[in-house]
Amino acid sequence: PSKSMENYAENLVGLRKRMQQLLALVSEYEWISDLHVVEFFRLQWWEKIPSLWRGALLDLREADLNRLPYGFTKDSWPESLKLFVRSCNEQGLQRTPPSWVVEGKTLPISCCEELCLGMSPKKKHEVSHLAGVVRCVCETTGCTAVVDWGSGLGYLGECLWRVDGLRVWSVEGRGERVEGAERRSRDIQRRHKRNNV
């Protein structure tokens, strides 16, 4: 086999291993991954966090809380909390933004009204800016396909596909969101046909 085929096979094996590690992490801590910040107080999520974790987290200064995504832990913490923070840090994406992000070279993607179906103004802002970042990464790397992990109702994927022509694989674990995304996509398609006839 050619060297490029060997590299391709190695990359696939590495990607598979990484995906298995990510799935194991999300599965083990599903009770956290399903937590929505806006529901934190309304649904009393704080009470669902193990009491030993709550005590350790309540003792942190704001500066230390901000260091959690970078793997910050304290020796006095329960082992389960240290393991969680360490696992999230190991499986997380690179946290140092590339130079093209720092230099402001990404431009938001303008979505037409059809694509904004069901989006709040905040969601429109998020989707257009994140789509701009994805576009920039794809242009920089020559990538023509993306995976939208936790795609929800498909706002980002629909934008990337319809505006930039990227192939998008949407991964969503909740059936009701998948059904909502499919329904939304059909509605957009009907509106598009109606407006372009």
N, C-alpha and C. Protein backbone atom coordinates (compact mmCIF):
# COMPACT_ATOMS: atom_id res chain seq x y z
N PRO A 1 0.82 -1.20 0.00
CA PRO A 1 0.00 0.00 0.00
C PRO A 1 0.87 1.26 0.00
N SER A 2 0.33 2.32 -0.60
CA SER A 2 1.07 3.58 -0.67
C SER A 2 1.15 4.23 0.71
N LYS A 3 2.12 5.15 0.82
CA LYS A 3 2.31 5.86 2.09
C LYS A 3 1.06 6.65 2.46
N SER A 4 0.40 7.27 1.45
CA SER A 4 -0.80 8.06 1.74
C SER A 4 -1.93 7.16 2.25
N MET A 5 -2.03 5.94 1.73
CA MET A 5 -3.06 5.01 2.21
C MET A 5 -2.77 4.58 3.64
N GLU A 6 -1.49 4.38 3.96
CA GLU A 6 -1.12 4.02 5.33
C GLU A 6 -1.45 5.16 6.28
N ASN A 7 -1.15 6.39 5.88
CA ASN A 7 -1.48 7.56 6.71
C ASN A 7 -2.98 7.68 6.89
N TYR A 8 -3.73 7.44 5.82
CA TYR A 8 -5.18 7.50 5.88
C TYR A 8 -5.71 6.48 6.87
N ALA A 9 -5.19 5.25 6.79
CA ALA A 9 -5.63 4.19 7.70
C ALA A 9 -5.28 4.53 9.14
N GLU A 10 -4.07 5.06 9.37
CA GLU A 10 -3.68 5.45 10.72
C GLU A 10 -4.59 6.55 11.26
N ASN A 11 -4.91 7.52 10.39
CA ASN A 11 -5.80 8.60 10.81
C ASN A 11 -7.18 8.08 11.17
N LEU A 12 -7.68 7.12 10.40
CA LEU A 12 -8.99 6.54 10.70
C LEU A 12 -8.97 5.78 12.02
N VAL A 13 -7.91 5.04 12.26
CA VAL A 13 -7.79 4.31 13.53
C VAL A 13 -7.73 5.30 14.68
N GLY A 14 -6.93 6.35 14.52
CA GLY A 14 -6.82 7.38 15.57
C GLY A 14 -8.15 8.08 15.80
N LEU A 15 -8.86 8.40 14.72
CA LEU A 15 -10.16 9.06 14.83
C LEU A 15 -11.16 8.15 15.53
N ARG A 16 -11.15 6.88 15.18
CA ARG A 16 -12.07 5.93 15.81
C ARG A 16 -11.80 5.83 17.32
N LYS A 17 -10.50 5.73 17.67
CA LYS A 17 -10.14 5.65 19.09
C LYS A 17 -10.60 6.90 19.82
N ARG A 18 -10.36 8.07 19.23
CA ARG A 18 -10.76 9.33 19.86
C ARG A 18 -12.27 9.41 20.03
N MET A 19 -13.01 8.99 19.01
CA MET A 19 -14.48 9.02 19.09
C MET A 19 -14.97 8.07 20.18
N GLN A 20 -14.36 6.92 20.30
CA GLN A 20 -14.73 5.98 21.36
C GLN A 20 -14.46 6.59 22.74
N GLN A 21 -13.34 7.27 22.89
CA GLN A 21 -13.01 7.92 24.16
C GLN A 21 -14.02 9.03 24.48
N LEU A 22 -14.37 9.82 23.46
CA LEU A 22 -15.35 10.89 23.65
C LEU A 22 -16.72 10.33 24.03
N LEU A 23 -17.14 9.27 23.33
CA LEU A 23 -18.43 8.66 23.63
C LEU A 23 -18.46 8.09 25.05
N ALA A 24 -17.35 7.48 25.46
CA ALA A 24 -17.28 6.94 26.82
C ALA A 24 -17.38 8.06 27.85
N LEU A 25 -16.70 9.18 27.59
CA LEU A 25 -16.74 10.31 28.51
C LEU A 25 -18.15 10.89 28.60
N VAL A 26 -18.77 11.11 27.46
CA VAL A 26 -20.13 11.67 27.44
C VAL A 26 -21.11 10.70 28.10
N SER A 27 -20.93 9.42 27.85
CA SER A 27 -21.82 8.42 28.45
C SER A 27 -21.68 8.38 29.97
N GLU A 28 -20.44 8.41 30.45
CA GLU A 28 -20.21 8.35 31.89
C GLU A 28 -20.75 9.58 32.61
N TYR A 29 -20.65 10.73 31.96
CA TYR A 29 -21.07 11.98 32.59
C TYR A 29 -22.29 12.57 31.88
N GLU A 30 -23.17 11.71 31.42
CA GLU A 30 -24.36 12.15 30.69
C GLU A 30 -25.20 13.14 31.51
N TRP A 31 -25.23 12.94 32.80
CA TRP A 31 -26.02 13.82 33.67
C TRP A 31 -25.49 15.26 33.62
N ILE A 32 -24.22 15.44 33.28
CA ILE A 32 -23.68 16.79 33.13
C ILE A 32 -23.84 17.28 31.70
N SER A 33 -23.61 16.41 30.73
CA SER A 33 -23.68 16.84 29.33
C SER A 33 -25.09 17.25 28.94
N ASP A 34 -26.10 16.76 29.64
CA ASP A 34 -27.48 17.14 29.36
C ASP A 34 -27.91 18.41 30.07
N LEU A 35 -27.02 18.94 30.90
CA LEU A 35 -27.33 20.14 31.68
C LEU A 35 -27.32 21.37 30.77
N HIS A 36 -28.38 22.15 30.82
CA HIS A 36 -28.45 23.41 30.09
C HIS A 36 -28.31 24.53 31.10
N VAL A 37 -27.41 25.46 30.82
CA VAL A 37 -27.13 26.54 31.75
C VAL A 37 -28.39 27.31 32.13
N VAL A 38 -29.27 27.54 31.15
CA VAL A 38 -30.47 28.32 31.44
C VAL A 38 -31.42 27.60 32.39
N GLU A 39 -31.25 26.29 32.52
CA GLU A 39 -32.12 25.50 33.40
C GLU A 39 -31.45 25.20 34.74
N PHE A 40 -30.24 25.71 34.92
CA PHE A 40 -29.44 25.36 36.09
C PHE A 40 -30.18 25.62 37.39
N PHE A 41 -30.76 26.80 37.52
CA PHE A 41 -31.45 27.14 38.76
C PHE A 41 -32.90 26.66 38.75
N ARG A 42 -33.55 26.80 37.59
CA ARG A 42 -34.96 26.44 37.50
C ARG A 42 -35.18 24.97 37.82
N LEU A 43 -34.29 24.11 37.33
CA LEU A 43 -34.44 22.67 37.55
C LEU A 43 -33.55 22.15 38.69
N GLN A 44 -32.92 23.07 39.42
CA GLN A 44 -32.09 22.74 40.57
C GLN A 44 -30.98 21.73 40.25
N TRP A 45 -30.27 22.00 39.15
CA TRP A 45 -29.18 21.12 38.74
C TRP A 45 -28.08 21.08 39.80
N TRP A 46 -27.90 22.15 40.52
CA TRP A 46 -26.86 22.20 41.54
C TRP A 46 -27.02 21.05 42.52
N GLU A 47 -28.26 20.71 42.83
CA GLU A 47 -28.53 19.62 43.77
C GLU A 47 -28.16 18.26 43.19
N LYS A 48 -28.05 18.15 41.88
CA LYS A 48 -27.72 16.87 41.25
C LYS A 48 -26.21 16.63 41.19
N ILE A 49 -25.43 17.67 41.43
CA ILE A 49 -23.98 17.54 41.46
C ILE A 49 -23.61 16.88 42.79
N PRO A 50 -22.72 15.89 42.77
CA PRO A 50 -22.35 15.22 44.03
C PRO A 50 -21.94 16.24 45.09
N SER A 51 -22.37 16.01 46.32
CA SER A 51 -22.13 16.99 47.39
C SER A 51 -20.64 17.25 47.62
N LEU A 52 -19.79 16.22 47.47
CA LEU A 52 -18.35 16.44 47.62
C LEU A 52 -17.82 17.39 46.55
N TRP A 53 -18.36 17.30 45.34
CA TRP A 53 -17.96 18.21 44.26
C TRP A 53 -18.42 19.63 44.58
N ARG A 54 -19.66 19.74 45.05
CA ARG A 54 -20.20 21.08 45.35
C ARG A 54 -19.32 21.79 46.37
N GLY A 55 -18.96 21.08 47.43
CA GLY A 55 -18.11 21.68 48.45
C GLY A 55 -16.79 22.16 47.88
N ALA A 56 -16.16 21.33 47.05
CA ALA A 56 -14.87 21.70 46.46
C ALA A 56 -15.02 22.90 45.53
N LEU A 57 -16.08 22.91 44.74
CA LEU A 57 -16.29 24.00 43.77
C LEU A 57 -16.67 25.31 44.45
N LEU A 58 -17.43 25.21 45.53
CA LEU A 58 -17.82 26.43 46.25
C LEU A 58 -16.62 27.14 46.89
N ASP A 59 -15.57 26.39 47.18
CA ASP A 59 -14.38 26.99 47.81
C ASP A 59 -13.46 27.69 46.81
N LEU A 60 -13.76 27.56 45.51
CA LEU A 60 -12.87 28.15 44.49
C LEU A 60 -13.10 29.64 44.31
N ARG A 61 -12.00 30.33 44.04
CA ARG A 61 -12.09 31.73 43.64
C ARG A 61 -12.49 31.76 42.16
N GLU A 62 -12.98 32.89 41.69
CA GLU A 62 -13.39 33.01 40.29
C GLU A 62 -12.24 32.70 39.34
N ALA A 63 -11.06 33.16 39.64
CA ALA A 63 -9.89 32.92 38.78
C ALA A 63 -9.63 31.41 38.63
N ASP A 64 -9.80 30.66 39.72
CA ASP A 64 -9.61 29.21 39.66
C ASP A 64 -10.72 28.54 38.86
N LEU A 65 -11.94 29.01 39.02
CA LEU A 65 -13.05 28.46 38.22
C LEU A 65 -12.77 28.63 36.74
N ASN A 66 -12.21 29.76 36.37
CA ASN A 66 -11.90 30.02 34.96
C ASN A 66 -10.78 29.13 34.44
N ARG A 67 -10.02 28.54 35.34
CA ARG A 67 -8.93 27.65 34.95
C ARG A 67 -9.38 26.19 34.81
N LEU A 68 -10.60 25.87 35.24
CA LEU A 68 -11.10 24.49 35.14
C LEU A 68 -11.01 23.91 33.73
N PRO A 69 -11.42 24.66 32.69
CA PRO A 69 -11.34 24.07 31.34
C PRO A 69 -9.92 23.74 30.89
N TYR A 70 -8.93 24.26 31.58
CA TYR A 70 -7.53 24.01 31.23
C TYR A 70 -6.91 22.94 32.11
N GLY A 71 -7.74 22.25 32.90
CA GLY A 71 -7.27 21.12 33.69
C GLY A 71 -6.90 21.44 35.13
N PHE A 72 -7.25 22.63 35.61
CA PHE A 72 -6.92 23.00 36.98
C PHE A 72 -7.65 22.11 37.98
N THR A 73 -6.91 21.56 38.93
CA THR A 73 -7.49 20.79 40.03
C THR A 73 -6.72 21.13 41.31
N LYS A 74 -7.27 20.69 42.43
CA LYS A 74 -6.60 20.87 43.73
C LYS A 74 -6.41 19.49 44.35
N ASP A 75 -5.32 19.32 45.06
CA ASP A 75 -5.03 18.04 45.70
C ASP A 75 -6.12 17.63 46.69
N SER A 76 -6.77 18.61 47.30
CA SER A 76 -7.77 18.32 48.33
C SER A 76 -9.10 17.86 47.76
N TRP A 77 -9.27 17.91 46.46
CA TRP A 77 -10.55 17.54 45.84
C TRP A 77 -10.78 16.03 45.89
N PRO A 78 -12.05 15.63 45.82
CA PRO A 78 -12.35 14.20 45.69
C PRO A 78 -11.75 13.65 44.39
N GLU A 79 -11.30 12.43 44.41
CA GLU A 79 -10.69 11.82 43.22
C GLU A 79 -11.64 11.85 42.02
N SER A 80 -12.94 11.65 42.28
CA SER A 80 -13.90 11.63 41.17
C SER A 80 -13.96 12.97 40.44
N LEU A 81 -13.87 14.06 41.16
CA LEU A 81 -13.88 15.39 40.54
C LEU A 81 -12.59 15.63 39.78
N LYS A 82 -11.45 15.25 40.35
CA LYS A 82 -10.17 15.42 39.65
C LYS A 82 -10.16 14.59 38.37
N LEU A 83 -10.70 13.38 38.43
CA LEU A 83 -10.75 12.53 37.25
C LEU A 83 -11.64 13.16 36.18
N PHE A 84 -12.78 13.71 36.58
CA PHE A 84 -13.68 14.36 35.63
C PHE A 84 -12.99 15.52 34.93
N VAL A 85 -12.38 16.40 35.69
CA VAL A 85 -11.70 17.57 35.11
C VAL A 85 -10.56 17.13 34.20
N ARG A 86 -9.79 16.16 34.66
CA ARG A 86 -8.67 15.65 33.86
C ARG A 86 -9.17 15.01 32.56
N SER A 87 -10.22 14.21 32.65
CA SER A 87 -10.76 13.55 31.45
C SER A 87 -11.30 14.56 30.44
N CYS A 88 -12.01 15.55 30.93
CA CYS A 88 -12.55 16.59 30.04
C CYS A 88 -11.41 17.35 29.36
N ASN A 89 -10.38 17.65 30.13
CA ASN A 89 -9.26 18.39 29.58
C ASN A 89 -8.52 17.56 28.52
N GLU A 90 -8.35 16.27 28.79
CA GLU A 90 -7.64 15.40 27.84
C GLU A 90 -8.43 15.23 26.55
N GLN A 91 -9.75 15.16 26.65
CA GLN A 91 -10.59 14.94 25.47
C GLN A 91 -10.99 16.23 24.78
N GLY A 92 -10.75 17.36 25.42
CA GLY A 92 -11.15 18.63 24.85
C GLY A 92 -10.33 19.02 23.64
N LEU A 93 -10.86 19.95 22.88
CA LEU A 93 -10.17 20.46 21.71
C LEU A 93 -9.11 21.46 22.15
N GLN A 94 -8.22 21.77 21.23
CA GLN A 94 -7.19 22.76 21.49
C GLN A 94 -7.85 24.06 21.95
N ARG A 95 -7.34 24.65 23.02
CA ARG A 95 -7.96 25.85 23.57
C ARG A 95 -7.21 27.13 23.19
N THR A 96 -6.11 27.01 22.51
CA THR A 96 -5.40 28.19 22.05
C THR A 96 -5.91 28.51 20.65
N PRO A 97 -6.55 29.66 20.47
CA PRO A 97 -7.12 29.94 19.16
C PRO A 97 -6.04 30.14 18.09
N PRO A 98 -6.29 29.65 16.88
CA PRO A 98 -5.34 29.86 15.79
C PRO A 98 -5.19 31.35 15.49
N SER A 99 -4.10 31.70 14.84
CA SER A 99 -3.81 33.12 14.57
C SER A 99 -4.90 33.79 13.76
N TRP A 100 -5.53 33.06 12.83
CA TRP A 100 -6.54 33.70 11.98
C TRP A 100 -7.78 34.08 12.78
N VAL A 101 -7.99 33.43 13.93
CA VAL A 101 -9.11 33.83 14.79
C VAL A 101 -8.70 35.08 15.57
N VAL A 102 -7.48 35.05 16.13
CA VAL A 102 -7.00 36.19 16.91
C VAL A 102 -6.94 37.45 16.05
N GLU A 103 -6.53 37.28 14.80
CA GLU A 103 -6.38 38.42 13.90
C GLU A 103 -7.71 38.88 13.32
N GLY A 104 -8.80 38.21 13.66
CA GLY A 104 -10.12 38.64 13.20
C GLY A 104 -10.38 38.39 11.73
N LYS A 105 -9.82 37.32 11.18
CA LYS A 105 -9.99 37.06 9.75
C LYS A 105 -11.26 36.27 9.43
N THR A 106 -12.00 35.88 10.44
CA THR A 106 -13.24 35.17 10.17
C THR A 106 -14.37 36.17 10.03
N LEU A 107 -15.22 35.93 9.08
CA LEU A 107 -16.38 36.78 8.86
C LEU A 107 -17.64 35.96 9.05
N PRO A 108 -18.64 36.52 9.72
CA PRO A 108 -19.89 35.76 9.89
C PRO A 108 -20.53 35.48 8.53
N ILE A 109 -21.22 34.38 8.46
CA ILE A 109 -21.95 34.02 7.24
C ILE A 109 -23.34 34.62 7.35
N SER A 110 -23.78 35.25 6.29
CA SER A 110 -25.11 35.84 6.27
C SER A 110 -26.11 34.77 5.85
N CYS A 111 -27.05 34.49 6.72
CA CYS A 111 -28.08 33.48 6.43
C CYS A 111 -29.35 34.19 5.95
N CYS A 112 -29.95 33.66 4.90
CA CYS A 112 -31.20 34.23 4.41
C CYS A 112 -32.32 33.92 5.41
N GLU A 113 -33.45 34.59 5.23
CA GLU A 113 -34.58 34.41 6.15
C GLU A 113 -35.05 32.97 6.21
N GLU A 114 -35.00 32.26 5.07
CA GLU A 114 -35.42 30.85 5.05
C GLU A 114 -34.61 30.03 6.05
N LEU A 115 -33.29 30.27 6.08
CA LEU A 115 -32.42 29.51 6.98
C LEU A 115 -32.57 29.91 8.43
N CYS A 116 -33.12 31.08 8.67
CA CYS A 116 -33.29 31.57 10.04
C CYS A 116 -34.59 31.10 10.67
N LEU A 117 -35.31 30.25 9.97
CA LEU A 117 -36.58 29.73 10.46
C LEU A 117 -36.42 29.14 11.87
N GLY A 118 -37.14 29.69 12.83
CA GLY A 118 -37.13 29.19 14.21
C GLY A 118 -35.99 29.69 15.07
N MET A 119 -35.11 30.52 14.52
CA MET A 119 -33.96 31.01 15.30
C MET A 119 -34.28 32.31 16.01
N SER A 120 -33.88 32.40 17.25
CA SER A 120 -33.95 33.67 17.99
C SER A 120 -32.82 34.57 17.46
N PRO A 121 -32.88 35.86 17.74
CA PRO A 121 -31.77 36.74 17.33
C PRO A 121 -30.42 36.26 17.87
N LYS A 122 -30.40 35.77 19.11
CA LYS A 122 -29.16 35.27 19.70
C LYS A 122 -28.65 34.06 18.92
N LYS A 123 -29.55 33.15 18.57
CA LYS A 123 -29.16 31.95 17.83
C LYS A 123 -28.66 32.32 16.43
N LYS A 124 -29.30 33.30 15.77
CA LYS A 124 -28.83 33.76 14.46
C LYS A 124 -27.39 34.26 14.56
N HIS A 125 -27.13 35.05 15.60
CA HIS A 125 -25.78 35.58 15.82
C HIS A 125 -24.78 34.44 16.00
N GLU A 126 -25.12 33.48 16.86
CA GLU A 126 -24.23 32.35 17.14
C GLU A 126 -23.95 31.54 15.88
N VAL A 127 -25.01 31.21 15.14
CA VAL A 127 -24.86 30.38 13.95
C VAL A 127 -24.04 31.09 12.89
N SER A 128 -24.33 32.36 12.63
CA SER A 128 -23.61 33.06 11.58
C SER A 128 -22.12 33.20 11.92
N HIS A 129 -21.80 33.45 13.18
CA HIS A 129 -20.39 33.59 13.57
C HIS A 129 -19.67 32.24 13.60
N LEU A 130 -20.30 31.22 14.14
CA LEU A 130 -19.66 29.90 14.17
C LEU A 130 -19.50 29.35 12.75
N ALA A 131 -20.49 29.58 11.91
CA ALA A 131 -20.40 29.13 10.51
C ALA A 131 -19.22 29.83 9.83
N GLY A 132 -18.99 31.10 10.17
CA GLY A 132 -17.84 31.81 9.61
C GLY A 132 -16.52 31.20 10.03
N VAL A 133 -16.45 30.77 11.29
CA VAL A 133 -15.23 30.11 11.77
C VAL A 133 -15.04 28.78 11.05
N VAL A 134 -16.12 28.00 10.92
CA VAL A 134 -16.03 26.71 10.23
C VAL A 134 -15.61 26.92 8.78
N ARG A 135 -16.19 27.92 8.12
CA ARG A 135 -15.82 28.23 6.73
C ARG A 135 -14.33 28.51 6.64
N CYS A 136 -13.82 29.31 7.54
CA CYS A 136 -12.40 29.68 7.53
C CYS A 136 -11.51 28.46 7.72
N VAL A 137 -11.88 27.59 8.66
CA VAL A 137 -11.11 26.36 8.89
C VAL A 137 -11.14 25.49 7.64
N CYS A 138 -12.31 25.36 7.02
CA CYS A 138 -12.43 24.52 5.82
C CYS A 138 -11.62 25.09 4.66
N GLU A 139 -11.66 26.40 4.49
CA GLU A 139 -10.87 27.03 3.43
C GLU A 139 -9.38 26.86 3.68
N THR A 140 -8.98 27.00 4.94
CA THR A 140 -7.56 26.89 5.30
C THR A 140 -7.05 25.47 5.11
N THR A 141 -7.88 24.48 5.42
CA THR A 141 -7.43 23.08 5.39
C THR A 141 -7.83 22.34 4.12
N GLY A 142 -8.70 22.93 3.31
CA GLY A 142 -9.19 22.25 2.11
C GLY A 142 -10.28 21.23 2.41
N CYS A 143 -10.84 21.33 3.59
CA CYS A 143 -11.88 20.40 4.03
C CYS A 143 -13.21 20.71 3.33
N THR A 144 -13.93 19.67 2.92
CA THR A 144 -15.23 19.87 2.27
C THR A 144 -16.36 19.20 3.02
N ALA A 145 -16.04 18.59 4.16
CA ALA A 145 -17.07 17.90 4.95
C ALA A 145 -16.80 18.15 6.43
N VAL A 146 -17.88 18.28 7.20
CA VAL A 146 -17.76 18.52 8.64
C VAL A 146 -18.75 17.64 9.39
N VAL A 147 -18.45 17.42 10.68
CA VAL A 147 -19.36 16.71 11.57
C VAL A 147 -19.86 17.73 12.59
N ASP A 148 -21.17 17.84 12.71
CA ASP A 148 -21.78 18.73 13.70
C ASP A 148 -22.23 17.87 14.86
N TRP A 149 -21.38 17.77 15.87
CA TRP A 149 -21.62 16.91 17.03
C TRP A 149 -22.56 17.62 17.99
N GLY A 150 -23.69 17.00 18.32
CA GLY A 150 -24.69 17.65 19.16
C GLY A 150 -25.43 18.70 18.36
N SER A 151 -25.91 18.30 17.20
CA SER A 151 -26.43 19.25 16.20
C SER A 151 -27.79 19.85 16.54
N GLY A 152 -28.45 19.31 17.55
CA GLY A 152 -29.74 19.90 17.95
C GLY A 152 -30.73 19.94 16.80
N LEU A 153 -31.24 21.12 16.50
CA LEU A 153 -32.23 21.28 15.44
C LEU A 153 -31.60 21.54 14.07
N GLY A 154 -30.29 21.43 13.99
CA GLY A 154 -29.61 21.49 12.69
C GLY A 154 -29.36 22.88 12.14
N TYR A 155 -29.43 23.90 12.98
CA TYR A 155 -29.25 25.27 12.49
C TYR A 155 -27.90 25.45 11.80
N LEU A 156 -26.82 25.06 12.46
CA LEU A 156 -25.48 25.26 11.91
C LEU A 156 -25.27 24.42 10.66
N GLY A 157 -25.61 23.15 10.73
CA GLY A 157 -25.41 22.26 9.59
C GLY A 157 -26.17 22.71 8.36
N GLU A 158 -27.39 23.14 8.56
CA GLU A 158 -28.22 23.61 7.44
C GLU A 158 -27.56 24.82 6.78
N CYS A 159 -27.06 25.72 7.59
CA CYS A 159 -26.39 26.93 7.08
C CYS A 159 -25.13 26.55 6.30
N LEU A 160 -24.31 25.68 6.86
CA LEU A 160 -23.07 25.29 6.20
C LEU A 160 -23.33 24.57 4.89
N TRP A 161 -24.37 23.77 4.86
CA TRP A 161 -24.70 23.02 3.65
C TRP A 161 -25.29 23.93 2.58
N ARG A 162 -26.28 24.71 2.97
CA ARG A 162 -26.99 25.53 1.97
C ARG A 162 -26.19 26.75 1.51
N VAL A 163 -25.42 27.35 2.40
CA VAL A 163 -24.68 28.57 2.02
C VAL A 163 -23.31 28.23 1.43
N ASP A 164 -22.58 27.30 2.06
CA ASP A 164 -21.22 27.00 1.62
C ASP A 164 -21.09 25.70 0.83
N GLY A 165 -22.14 24.91 0.79
CA GLY A 165 -22.08 23.66 0.03
C GLY A 165 -21.24 22.58 0.68
N LEU A 166 -20.99 22.72 1.97
CA LEU A 166 -20.23 21.68 2.67
C LEU A 166 -21.10 20.46 2.92
N ARG A 167 -20.47 19.29 2.89
CA ARG A 167 -21.18 18.08 3.32
C ARG A 167 -21.17 18.10 4.84
N VAL A 168 -22.33 17.90 5.44
CA VAL A 168 -22.44 17.97 6.89
C VAL A 168 -23.07 16.69 7.41
N TRP A 169 -22.38 16.06 8.37
CA TRP A 169 -22.95 14.93 9.08
C TRP A 169 -23.37 15.44 10.44
N SER A 170 -24.64 15.35 10.70
CA SER A 170 -25.17 15.83 11.98
C SER A 170 -25.33 14.65 12.93
N VAL A 171 -24.81 14.81 14.13
CA VAL A 171 -24.91 13.77 15.15
C VAL A 171 -25.69 14.35 16.32
N GLU A 172 -26.82 13.75 16.61
CA GLU A 172 -27.68 14.21 17.70
C GLU A 172 -28.27 12.99 18.39
N GLY A 173 -28.16 12.96 19.71
CA GLY A 173 -28.61 11.80 20.48
C GLY A 173 -30.07 11.83 20.89
N ARG A 174 -30.72 12.96 20.79
CA ARG A 174 -32.11 13.05 21.22
C ARG A 174 -33.05 12.97 20.01
N GLY A 175 -33.89 11.96 20.03
CA GLY A 175 -34.79 11.71 18.92
C GLY A 175 -35.70 12.88 18.58
N GLU A 176 -36.20 13.58 19.60
CA GLU A 176 -37.11 14.70 19.34
C GLU A 176 -36.40 15.84 18.62
N ARG A 177 -35.11 15.99 18.88
CA ARG A 177 -34.35 17.04 18.17
C ARG A 177 -34.09 16.63 16.73
N VAL A 178 -33.81 15.35 16.52
CA VAL A 178 -33.61 14.86 15.15
C VAL A 178 -34.90 15.07 14.35
N GLU A 179 -36.03 14.69 14.94
CA GLU A 179 -37.32 14.89 14.25
C GLU A 179 -37.56 16.37 13.97
N GLY A 180 -37.25 17.22 14.93
CA GLY A 180 -37.41 18.66 14.74
C GLY A 180 -36.51 19.19 13.64
N ALA A 181 -35.28 18.70 13.57
CA ALA A 181 -34.34 19.12 12.53
C ALA A 181 -34.83 18.69 11.16
N GLU A 182 -35.34 17.46 11.08
CA GLU A 182 -35.86 16.97 9.79
C GLU A 182 -37.07 17.79 9.35
N ARG A 183 -37.95 18.08 10.28
CA ARG A 183 -39.15 18.88 9.99
C ARG A 183 -38.74 20.30 9.54
N ARG A 184 -37.80 20.87 10.24
CA ARG A 184 -37.32 22.21 9.91
C ARG A 184 -36.68 22.24 8.52
N SER A 185 -35.89 21.23 8.21
CA SER A 185 -35.23 21.15 6.90
C SER A 185 -36.26 21.03 5.77
N ARG A 186 -37.30 20.22 6.00
CA ARG A 186 -38.36 20.10 4.99
C ARG A 186 -39.08 21.44 4.80
N ASP A 187 -39.35 22.16 5.90
CA ASP A 187 -40.01 23.47 5.81
C ASP A 187 -39.14 24.46 5.03
N ILE A 188 -37.86 24.45 5.29
CA ILE A 188 -36.95 25.35 4.56
C ILE A 188 -36.96 25.01 3.07
N GLN A 189 -36.92 23.72 2.77
CA GLN A 189 -36.93 23.28 1.37
C GLN A 189 -38.22 23.73 0.68
N ARG A 190 -39.36 23.58 1.34
CA ARG A 190 -40.64 24.01 0.75
C ARG A 190 -40.64 25.52 0.51
N ARG A 191 -40.19 26.28 1.49
CA ARG A 191 -40.14 27.74 1.34
C ARG A 191 -39.20 28.14 0.21
N HIS A 192 -38.07 27.43 0.12
CA HIS A 192 -37.10 27.76 -0.93
C HIS A 192 -37.72 27.51 -2.31
N LYS A 193 -38.39 26.38 -2.48
CA LYS A 193 -39.03 26.09 -3.75
C LYS A 193 -40.10 27.11 -4.07
N ARG A 194 -40.90 27.46 -3.07
CA ARG A 194 -41.99 28.42 -3.28
C ARG A 194 -41.45 29.80 -3.67
N ASN A 195 -40.36 30.22 -3.04
CA ASN A 195 -39.79 31.54 -3.31
C ASN A 195 -38.99 31.60 -4.60
N ASN A 196 -38.57 30.46 -5.13
CA ASN A 196 -37.75 30.45 -6.34
C ASN A 196 -38.49 29.91 -7.56
N VAL A 197 -39.80 29.88 -7.47
CA VAL A 197 -40.59 29.39 -8.61
C VAL A 197 -40.95 30.55 -9.50
